[in-house]
Amino acid sequence: MNDPVTSRQIAQALASLGHEARLGVYRVLVRAGEAGLSVGQLVEELGLPASTLAHHLRMLVQSGLVIQERKGREVINRPDFAAMVRISAYLQEECCAGVKRRTDAA
């Protein structure tokens, strides 16, 4: 059963995407799809040093946006598409529901 997403979790995920390098890593992983990419493939694709990439991947994993799976000596990174859907749904859940406006002057 899926636990309801909290605003804190959403904020953490969005904050992790608020860095240009992490956003780039995430976008490449989304393009790669469910197959994911190894760290070596990400280094080739992005041109980031392995240590820098490891830092950014750690942040994306901690925020719940990226899943890592060890396959032999490789670590495969893939986006958590369910998390991406939850974030989008959270941001859109009250779309066009209206906002109560205060009529008294402050």
C-alpha atoms as a PDB file:
ATOM      1  CA  MET A   1       0.000   0.000   0.000  1.00  0.00           C
ATOM      2  CA  ASN A   2       1.355   3.441  -0.888  1.00  0.00           C
ATOM      3  CA  ASP A   3       1.714   5.909   1.938  1.00  0.00           C
ATOM      4  CA  PRO A   4       0.315   9.361   1.211  1.00  0.00           C
ATOM      5  CA  VAL A   5       2.952  11.777   0.039  1.00  0.00           C
ATOM      6  CA  THR A   6       3.762  14.634   2.383  1.00  0.00           C
ATOM      7  CA  SER A   7       4.498  18.212   1.478  1.00  0.00           C
ATOM      8  CA  ARG A   8       7.919  17.710   3.065  1.00  0.00           C
ATOM      9  CA  GLN A   9       8.703  14.840   0.665  1.00  0.00           C
ATOM     10  CA  ILE A  10       7.533  16.901  -2.299  1.00  0.00           C
ATOM     11  CA  ALA A  11       9.645  19.861  -1.183  1.00  0.00           C
ATOM     12  CA  GLN A  12      12.719  17.642  -0.801  1.00  0.00           C
ATOM     13  CA  ALA A  13      12.254  16.161  -4.281  1.00  0.00           C
ATOM     14  CA  LEU A  14      11.740  19.555  -5.889  1.00  0.00           C
ATOM     15  CA  ALA A  15      14.711  21.000  -3.996  1.00  0.00           C
ATOM     16  CA  SER A  16      16.933  18.223  -5.321  1.00  0.00           C
ATOM     17  CA  LEU A  17      15.832  19.087  -8.854  1.00  0.00           C
ATOM     18  CA  GLY A  18      16.589  22.747  -8.148  1.00  0.00           C
ATOM     19  CA  HIS A  19      20.262  22.213  -8.988  1.00  0.00           C
ATOM     20  CA  GLU A  20      21.178  22.396 -12.665  1.00  0.00           C
ATOM     21  CA  ALA A  21      23.423  19.313 -12.603  1.00  0.00           C
ATOM     22  CA  ARG A  22      20.869  17.154 -10.759  1.00  0.00           C
ATOM     23  CA  LEU A  23      18.116  18.279 -13.095  1.00  0.00           C
ATOM     24  CA  GLY A  24      20.344  17.272 -16.009  1.00  0.00           C
ATOM     25  CA  VAL A  25      21.047  13.852 -14.489  1.00  0.00           C
ATOM     26  CA  TYR A  26      17.360  13.286 -13.868  1.00  0.00           C
ATOM     27  CA  ARG A  27      16.368  14.320 -17.397  1.00  0.00           C
ATOM     28  CA  VAL A  28      18.924  11.927 -18.921  1.00  0.00           C
ATOM     29  CA  LEU A  29      17.607   9.110 -16.745  1.00  0.00           C
ATOM     30  CA  VAL A  30      14.024   9.888 -17.761  1.00  0.00           C
ATOM     31  CA  ARG A  31      15.059   9.721 -21.417  1.00  0.00           C
ATOM     32  CA  ALA A  32      16.782   6.367 -20.752  1.00  0.00           C
ATOM     33  CA  GLY A  33      13.528   4.982 -19.351  1.00  0.00           C
ATOM     34  CA  GLU A  34      13.056   1.854 -17.275  1.00  0.00           C
ATOM     35  CA  ALA A  35      16.327   0.337 -18.514  1.00  0.00           C
ATOM     36  CA  GLY A  36      18.252   3.030 -16.663  1.00  0.00           C
ATOM     37  CA  LEU A  37      21.926   3.835 -17.023  1.00  0.00           C
ATOM     38  CA  SER A  38      25.068   2.797 -15.220  1.00  0.00           C
ATOM     39  CA  VAL A  39      27.246   5.384 -13.526  1.00  0.00           C
ATOM     40  CA  GLY A  40      29.786   4.978 -16.356  1.00  0.00           C
ATOM     41  CA  GLN A  41      27.116   5.629 -18.971  1.00  0.00           C
ATOM     42  CA  LEU A  42      25.987   8.729 -17.079  1.00  0.00           C
ATOM     43  CA  VAL A  43      29.575  10.006 -16.898  1.00  0.00           C
ATOM     44  CA  GLU A  44      29.877   9.576 -20.679  1.00  0.00           C
ATOM     45  CA  GLU A  45      26.503  11.173 -21.348  1.00  0.00           C
ATOM     46  CA  LEU A  46      26.915  14.162 -19.043  1.00  0.00           C
ATOM     47  CA  GLY A  47      30.661  14.717 -18.940  1.00  0.00           C
ATOM     48  CA  LEU A  48      30.622  15.099 -15.151  1.00  0.00           C
ATOM     49  CA  PRO A  49      33.474  13.736 -13.029  1.00  0.00           C
ATOM     50  CA  ALA A  50      32.471  10.446 -11.363  1.00  0.00           C
ATOM     51  CA  SER A  51      32.791  11.903  -7.845  1.00  0.00           C
ATOM     52  CA  THR A  52      30.554  14.861  -8.713  1.00  0.00           C
ATOM     53  CA  LEU A  53      28.024  12.575 -10.357  1.00  0.00           C
ATOM     54  CA  ALA A  54      28.022  10.296  -7.289  1.00  0.00           C
ATOM     55  CA  HIS A  55      27.173  13.279  -5.076  1.00  0.00           C
ATOM     56  CA  HIS A  56      24.275  14.336  -7.293  1.00  0.00           C
ATOM     57  CA  LEU A  57      22.959  10.785  -7.625  1.00  0.00           C
ATOM     58  CA  ARG A  58      23.044  10.395  -3.835  1.00  0.00           C
ATOM     59  CA  MET A  59      20.869  13.512  -3.497  1.00  0.00           C
ATOM     60  CA  LEU A  60      18.388  12.228  -6.099  1.00  0.00           C
ATOM     61  CA  VAL A  61      18.210   8.825  -4.397  1.00  0.00           C
ATOM     62  CA  GLN A  62      17.691  10.411  -0.959  1.00  0.00           C
ATOM     63  CA  SER A  63      14.870  12.547  -2.317  1.00  0.00           C
ATOM     64  CA  GLY A  64      13.143   9.465  -3.749  1.00  0.00           C
ATOM     65  CA  LEU A  65      13.465  10.391  -7.415  1.00  0.00           C
ATOM     66  CA  VAL A  66      16.061   7.802  -8.455  1.00  0.00           C
ATOM     67  CA  ILE A  67      16.294   4.095  -7.741  1.00  0.00           C
ATOM     68  CA  GLN A  68      19.653   2.333  -7.793  1.00  0.00           C
ATOM     69  CA  GLU A  69      20.097  -1.378  -8.400  1.00  0.00           C
ATOM     70  CA  ARG A  70      23.341  -3.306  -8.257  1.00  0.00           C
ATOM     71  CA  LYS A  71      23.892  -5.663 -11.191  1.00  0.00           C
ATOM     72  CA  GLY A  72      27.187  -7.415 -10.685  1.00  0.00           C
ATOM     73  CA  ARG A  73      29.809  -4.693 -10.451  1.00  0.00           C
ATOM     74  CA  GLU A  74      27.582  -2.014 -11.981  1.00  0.00           C
ATOM     75  CA  VAL A  75      25.041   0.217 -10.319  1.00  0.00           C
ATOM     76  CA  ILE A  76      22.064   0.892 -12.566  1.00  0.00           C
ATOM     77  CA  ASN A  77      20.229   4.162 -11.977  1.00  0.00           C
ATOM     78  CA  ARG A  78      16.658   4.678 -13.091  1.00  0.00           C
ATOM     79  CA  PRO A  79      14.045   7.287 -12.359  1.00  0.00           C
ATOM     80  CA  ASP A  80      11.238   6.360 -10.013  1.00  0.00           C
ATOM     81  CA  PHE A  81       8.402   7.126 -12.411  1.00  0.00           C
ATOM     82  CA  ALA A  82       5.803   6.537  -9.697  1.00  0.00           C
ATOM     83  CA  ALA A  83       7.444   9.280  -7.617  1.00  0.00           C
ATOM     84  CA  MET A  84       7.389  11.602 -10.619  1.00  0.00           C
ATOM     85  CA  VAL A  85       3.664  10.951 -11.059  1.00  0.00           C
ATOM     86  CA  ARG A  86       3.008  11.565  -7.327  1.00  0.00           C
ATOM     87  CA  ILE A  87       4.850  14.889  -7.487  1.00  0.00           C
ATOM     88  CA  SER A  88       2.927  15.995 -10.577  1.00  0.00           C
ATOM     89  CA  ALA A  89      -0.365  14.925  -9.014  1.00  0.00           C
ATOM     90  CA  TYR A  90       0.448  16.796  -5.808  1.00  0.00           C
ATOM     91  CA  LEU A  91       1.181  19.976  -7.728  1.00  0.00           C
ATOM     92  CA  GLN A  92      -2.009  19.666  -9.770  1.00  0.00           C
ATOM     93  CA  GLU A  93      -4.440  18.287  -7.198  1.00  0.00           C
ATOM     94  CA  GLU A  94      -6.199  21.558  -6.551  1.00  0.00           C
ATOM     95  CA  CYS A  95      -5.858  23.021 -10.004  1.00  0.00           C
ATOM     96  CA  CYS A  96      -8.549  25.578 -10.743  1.00  0.00           C
ATOM     97  CA  ALA A  97     -10.334  24.890  -7.445  1.00  0.00           C
ATOM     98  CA  GLY A  98     -10.415  28.571  -6.703  1.00  0.00           C
ATOM     99  CA  VAL A  99      -8.902  30.619  -3.918  1.00  0.00           C
ATOM    100  CA  LYS A 100     -10.861  32.364  -1.243  1.00  0.00           C
ATOM    101  CA  ARG A 101      -9.842  35.970  -1.363  1.00  0.00           C
ATOM    102  CA  ARG A 102      -9.923  38.288   1.551  1.00  0.00           C
ATOM    103  CA  THR A 103     -12.162  41.222   0.931  1.00  0.00           C
ATOM    104  CA  ASP A 104     -11.095  43.328   3.893  1.00  0.00           C
ATOM    105  CA  ALA A 105      -8.192  45.708   3.372  1.00  0.00           C
ATOM    106  CA  ALA A 106      -5.151  44.964   5.449  1.00  0.00           C
END
